[in-house]
């Protein structure tokens, strides 16, 4: 967390995060035009934000695009803010990422490092009992085979919360699934989106990247707003064995 606090301490870097919050997936040139400083200065600030995990980059053709990653801020909330200033929690958890890809749909990218093995992380993603510990008590029913369907349920819900199809299964590295939310008419009208889980071992930890894409522009935030809390809960459970308790209403997620 030291790198995150250091990155957030500078007003220019906070302004860069605000700019990516306003419009995600921007190139260096686009960001440079928004600030009264040299290209090198903007690059230096972006590098520190990347090192802190607050910005994630992706290549699109010749361009390097920058995306806001709200997961580290969520971790600060879970470790510090919720303990000392619970009313701030709702505002921080509203931080989100957004981008426009070549087919004019919207994607959300979330990245987190967890001190565990790829195999244990894969088990935590695919085991229904373990999932329920960090996804608000939700359980998943599927055989995890490509082409199979799945349903997400919760004991407190009258019917399934979401459903979809398993597209790719490559343990313990990559899992791709579609998702259609069913917990309310407003989210059900959004149709089907896609979720990709990617696991990469980095020394004694794993980098987990969750990409929620094929969302329509301006999609209902309920579809993706719970990811920072889910990933924070997953990290807490795998690293400590404890269930993360955070303030706020029950959220149903994929």
Protein backbone atom coordinates (compact mmCIF):
# COMPACT_ATOMS: atom_id res chain seq x y z
CA UNK A 1 0.00 0.00 0.00
CA UNK A 2 2.97 2.35 0.41
CA UNK A 3 3.23 2.76 -3.37
CA UNK A 4 -0.50 3.57 -3.60
CA UNK A 5 -0.36 6.21 -0.89
CA UNK A 6 2.76 7.71 -2.48
CA UNK A 7 1.08 7.86 -5.87
CA UNK A 8 -2.07 9.46 -4.46
CA UNK A 9 -0.09 12.07 -2.54
CA UNK A 10 0.71 14.08 -5.67
CA UNK A 11 -2.08 16.37 -7.00
CA UNK A 12 -1.03 15.89 -10.63
CA UNK A 13 -1.32 12.13 -10.33
CA UNK A 14 -4.72 12.50 -8.70
CA UNK A 15 -5.75 14.70 -11.63
CA UNK A 16 -4.55 12.01 -14.04
CA UNK A 17 -6.74 9.46 -12.27
CA UNK A 18 -9.65 11.90 -12.42
CA UNK A 19 -9.07 12.29 -16.15
CA UNK A 20 -9.10 8.52 -16.66
CA UNK A 21 -12.20 8.29 -14.52
CA UNK A 22 -13.82 10.84 -16.85
CA UNK A 23 -12.71 9.00 -19.99
CA UNK A 24 -10.85 5.73 -19.69
CA UNK A 25 -8.54 4.14 -22.25
CA UNK A 26 -6.65 7.31 -23.20
CA UNK A 27 -3.31 7.48 -25.01
CA UNK A 28 -0.29 9.39 -23.74
CA UNK A 29 -0.87 12.06 -26.38
CA UNK A 30 -4.49 12.57 -25.29
CA UNK A 31 -3.48 12.87 -21.64
CA UNK A 32 -0.58 15.18 -22.47
CA UNK A 33 -3.00 17.65 -24.05
CA UNK A 34 -4.89 17.95 -20.76
CA UNK A 35 -1.89 19.02 -18.67
CA UNK A 36 0.43 22.04 -18.75
CA UNK A 37 3.63 20.02 -18.57
CA UNK A 38 6.06 18.24 -20.85
CA UNK A 39 5.41 14.83 -22.36
CA UNK A 40 8.22 13.47 -20.18
CA UNK A 41 6.52 14.84 -17.07
CA UNK A 42 3.23 13.13 -17.89
CA UNK A 43 5.08 9.87 -18.66
CA UNK A 44 6.86 10.04 -15.30
CA UNK A 45 3.61 10.44 -13.38
CA UNK A 46 1.93 7.64 -15.36
CA UNK A 47 4.86 5.32 -14.64
CA UNK A 48 4.44 5.86 -10.88
CA UNK A 49 0.70 5.22 -11.18
CA UNK A 50 1.42 1.99 -13.10
CA UNK A 51 3.92 0.86 -10.46
CA UNK A 52 1.26 1.45 -7.80
CA UNK A 53 -1.26 -0.60 -9.79
CA UNK A 54 -3.61 2.36 -10.15
CA UNK A 55 -3.21 2.44 -13.93
CA UNK A 56 -3.17 -0.56 -16.27
CA UNK A 57 -1.97 -0.27 -19.87
CA UNK A 58 -3.01 -2.16 -22.97
CA UNK A 59 -1.77 -1.94 -26.55
CA UNK A 60 -4.20 -1.17 -29.37
CA UNK A 61 -2.30 -1.10 -32.62
CA UNK A 62 0.50 1.43 -32.23
CA UNK A 63 -1.11 3.16 -29.28
CA UNK A 64 -0.56 2.41 -25.61
CA UNK A 65 -3.82 3.07 -23.79
CA UNK A 66 -4.15 3.81 -20.06
CA UNK A 67 -6.99 2.50 -17.88
CA UNK A 68 -7.96 3.31 -14.31
CA UNK A 69 -7.71 0.28 -12.00
CA UNK A 70 -9.85 0.92 -8.90
CA UNK A 71 -8.91 -2.27 -7.04
CA UNK A 72 -5.96 -0.78 -5.05
CA UNK A 73 -8.24 2.03 -3.85
CA UNK A 74 -10.78 -0.59 -2.80
CA UNK A 75 -8.04 -2.33 -0.81
CA UNK A 76 -7.24 0.93 0.98
CA UNK A 77 -10.92 1.25 1.80
CA UNK A 78 -11.10 -2.29 3.18
CA UNK A 79 -7.90 -1.91 5.22
CA UNK A 80 -8.28 1.68 6.47
CA UNK A 81 -11.26 3.74 5.40
CA UNK A 82 -14.07 1.41 6.44
CA UNK A 83 -12.49 1.17 9.88
CA UNK A 84 -12.15 4.89 10.50
CA UNK A 85 -14.65 6.58 8.21
CA UNK A 86 -17.39 4.24 7.02
CA UNK A 87 -19.40 6.97 5.20
CA UNK A 88 -16.55 7.35 2.72
CA UNK A 89 -16.83 3.73 1.64
CA UNK A 90 -19.72 4.14 -0.75
CA UNK A 91 -18.00 6.98 -2.55
CA UNK A 92 -14.72 5.13 -2.98
CA UNK A 93 -16.37 1.93 -4.15
CA UNK A 94 -18.04 3.92 -6.93
CA UNK A 95 -14.66 4.39 -8.64
CA UNK A 96 -14.74 2.45 -11.88
CA UNK A 97 -12.84 1.88 -15.09
CA UNK A 98 -14.12 2.43 -18.60
CA UNK A 99 -12.76 2.17 -22.15
CA UNK A 100 -13.96 2.10 -25.74
CA UNK A 101 -12.69 -0.77 -27.90
CA UNK A 102 -12.72 -0.95 -31.72
CA UNK A 103 -16.25 -2.40 -31.83
CA UNK A 104 -17.61 0.44 -29.71
CA UNK A 105 -18.49 -1.61 -26.66
CA UNK A 106 -17.33 -0.91 -23.14
CA UNK A 107 -14.94 -2.97 -21.03
CA UNK A 108 -13.91 -2.80 -17.36
CA UNK A 109 -10.48 -4.06 -16.33
CA UNK A 110 -9.57 -4.97 -12.75
CA UNK A 111 -6.15 -6.21 -11.59
CA UNK A 112 -4.93 -7.46 -8.23
CA UNK A 113 -1.92 -9.34 -6.81
CA UNK A 114 -2.60 -12.21 -4.41
CA UNK A 115 0.02 -14.15 -2.47
CA UNK A 116 -1.02 -17.68 -3.45
CA UNK A 117 -0.40 -20.33 -6.10
CA UNK A 118 -2.18 -20.41 -9.49
CA UNK A 119 -3.77 -23.73 -8.56
CA UNK A 120 -5.20 -22.45 -5.28
CA UNK A 121 -6.45 -19.27 -6.95
CA UNK A 122 -8.10 -21.31 -9.70
CA UNK A 123 -9.81 -23.46 -7.07
CA UNK A 124 -11.10 -20.35 -5.30
CA UNK A 125 -12.60 -19.09 -8.57
CA UNK A 126 -14.24 -22.35 -9.63
CA UNK A 127 -15.26 -23.96 -6.32
CA UNK A 128 -18.82 -22.96 -5.42
CA UNK A 129 -18.32 -23.27 -1.66
CA UNK A 130 -15.20 -21.09 -1.70
CA UNK A 131 -16.84 -18.55 -4.04
CA UNK A 132 -19.66 -18.03 -1.59
CA UNK A 133 -17.15 -16.74 0.97
CA UNK A 134 -16.19 -13.68 -1.09
CA UNK A 135 -19.09 -13.18 -3.54
CA UNK A 136 -21.82 -12.22 -1.10
CA UNK A 137 -22.89 -15.83 -0.40
CA UNK A 138 -23.56 -16.55 -4.08
CA UNK A 139 -23.04 -20.08 -5.39
CA UNK A 140 -22.38 -21.28 -8.93
CA UNK A 141 -23.75 -24.42 -10.56
CA UNK A 142 -21.79 -25.79 -13.54
CA UNK A 143 -19.35 -28.53 -14.57
CA UNK A 144 -16.84 -25.96 -15.91
CA UNK A 145 -16.67 -27.52 -19.37
CA UNK A 146 -16.53 -25.39 -22.54
CA UNK A 147 -20.03 -25.08 -23.94
CA UNK A 148 -21.70 -25.84 -20.61
CA UNK A 149 -24.15 -23.44 -19.01
CA UNK A 150 -24.01 -22.13 -15.44
CA UNK A 151 -26.33 -20.49 -12.93
CA UNK A 152 -25.50 -18.21 -10.02
CA UNK A 153 -27.83 -18.50 -7.03
CA UNK A 154 -28.14 -17.11 -3.51
CA UNK A 155 -30.18 -18.59 -0.62
CA UNK A 156 -31.81 -15.18 -0.09
CA UNK A 157 -32.91 -14.81 -3.71
CA UNK A 158 -36.15 -16.20 -5.15
CA UNK A 159 -34.54 -17.24 -8.42
CA UNK A 160 -31.16 -17.39 -10.20
CA UNK A 161 -29.12 -14.17 -10.07
CA UNK A 162 -27.30 -14.72 -13.33
CA UNK A 163 -26.72 -17.31 -15.98
CA UNK A 164 -24.38 -17.84 -18.89
CA UNK A 165 -22.12 -20.14 -20.86
CA UNK A 166 -18.59 -21.35 -20.18
CA UNK A 167 -16.54 -20.39 -23.26
CA UNK A 168 -12.92 -21.25 -22.41
CA UNK A 169 -11.35 -23.30 -19.62
CA UNK A 170 -7.55 -23.43 -19.34
CA UNK A 171 -6.65 -24.26 -15.72
CA UNK A 172 -4.99 -22.67 -13.90
CA UNK A 173 -4.49 -19.77 -16.29
CA UNK A 174 -7.62 -18.58 -18.09
CA UNK A 175 -11.40 -18.82 -17.73
CA UNK A 176 -13.90 -17.11 -20.03
CA UNK A 177 -17.65 -17.02 -19.47
CA UNK A 178 -20.66 -15.07 -20.67
CA UNK A 179 -23.00 -13.48 -18.13
CA UNK A 180 -26.63 -12.40 -18.23
CA UNK A 181 -27.83 -10.72 -15.05
CA UNK A 182 -31.27 -11.77 -13.78
CA UNK A 183 -31.64 -10.09 -10.38
CA UNK A 184 -33.73 -7.20 -11.67
CA UNK A 185 -35.54 -5.97 -14.76
CA UNK A 186 -33.11 -3.07 -15.18
CA UNK A 187 -30.03 -5.31 -15.38
CA UNK A 188 -31.79 -8.09 -17.27
CA UNK A 189 -32.45 -5.60 -20.06
CA UNK A 190 -28.69 -5.11 -20.49
CA UNK A 191 -28.36 -8.48 -22.21
CA UNK A 192 -25.24 -10.67 -22.26
CA UNK A 193 -21.69 -9.58 -21.44
CA UNK A 194 -18.42 -11.50 -21.09
CA UNK A 195 -16.04 -12.08 -18.16
CA UNK A 196 -12.42 -13.21 -18.57
CA UNK A 197 -10.29 -14.34 -15.62
CA UNK A 198 -6.52 -14.43 -16.31
CA UNK A 199 -3.97 -15.77 -13.83
CA UNK A 200 -0.24 -15.13 -14.13
CA UNK A 201 2.31 -16.28 -11.56
CA UNK A 202 4.70 -13.52 -10.43
CA UNK A 203 7.33 -14.96 -8.07
CA UNK A 204 5.45 -16.08 -4.93
CA UNK A 205 2.20 -14.36 -5.93
CA UNK A 206 -0.37 -14.33 -8.71
CA UNK A 207 -1.55 -11.43 -10.80
CA UNK A 208 -5.26 -11.82 -11.40
CA UNK A 209 -6.80 -9.72 -14.17
CA UNK A 210 -10.58 -9.69 -14.60
CA UNK A 211 -11.88 -8.16 -17.81
CA UNK A 212 -15.63 -7.58 -17.98
CA UNK A 213 -16.35 -6.60 -21.58
CA UNK A 214 -19.00 -6.65 -24.31
CA UNK A 215 -20.98 -4.21 -22.17
CA UNK A 216 -23.01 -1.59 -23.95
CA UNK A 217 -21.81 2.00 -23.64
CA UNK A 218 -23.36 3.42 -20.47
CA UNK A 219 -24.25 -0.02 -19.11
CA UNK A 220 -25.88 -0.27 -15.67
CA UNK A 221 -23.13 -0.05 -13.04
CA UNK A 222 -24.68 -2.91 -11.07
CA UNK A 223 -23.20 -5.27 -13.67
CA UNK A 224 -19.58 -4.45 -12.85
CA UNK A 225 -19.53 -2.18 -9.79
CA UNK A 226 -18.99 -5.04 -7.34
CA UNK A 227 -15.71 -6.29 -8.81
CA UNK A 228 -13.33 -4.28 -6.57
CA UNK A 229 -15.12 -5.58 -3.46
CA UNK A 230 -15.18 -9.16 -4.81
CA UNK A 231 -11.46 -9.19 -5.63
CA UNK A 232 -10.58 -7.60 -2.30
CA UNK A 233 -12.58 -10.31 -0.56
CA UNK A 234 -10.89 -13.01 -2.64
CA UNK A 235 -7.44 -11.68 -1.71
CA UNK A 236 -8.36 -11.46 1.98
CA UNK A 237 -9.71 -15.02 2.08
CA UNK A 238 -6.75 -16.58 0.25
CA UNK A 239 -4.10 -14.71 2.22
CA UNK A 240 -5.67 -14.79 5.69
CA UNK A 241 -8.46 -17.36 5.64
CA UNK A 242 -10.86 -14.68 6.88
CA UNK A 243 -14.09 -13.54 5.29
CA UNK A 244 -14.02 -9.86 4.45
CA UNK A 245 -16.87 -7.86 5.97
CA UNK A 246 -17.52 -4.53 4.26
CA UNK A 247 -20.29 -1.99 4.80
CA UNK A 248 -23.00 -1.50 2.19
CA UNK A 249 -25.97 -3.34 0.79
CA UNK A 250 -25.92 -6.86 -0.59
CA UNK A 251 -24.70 -6.90 -4.18
CA UNK A 252 -25.27 -9.75 -6.60
CA UNK A 253 -22.42 -10.44 -8.99
CA UNK A 254 -21.48 -12.95 -11.65
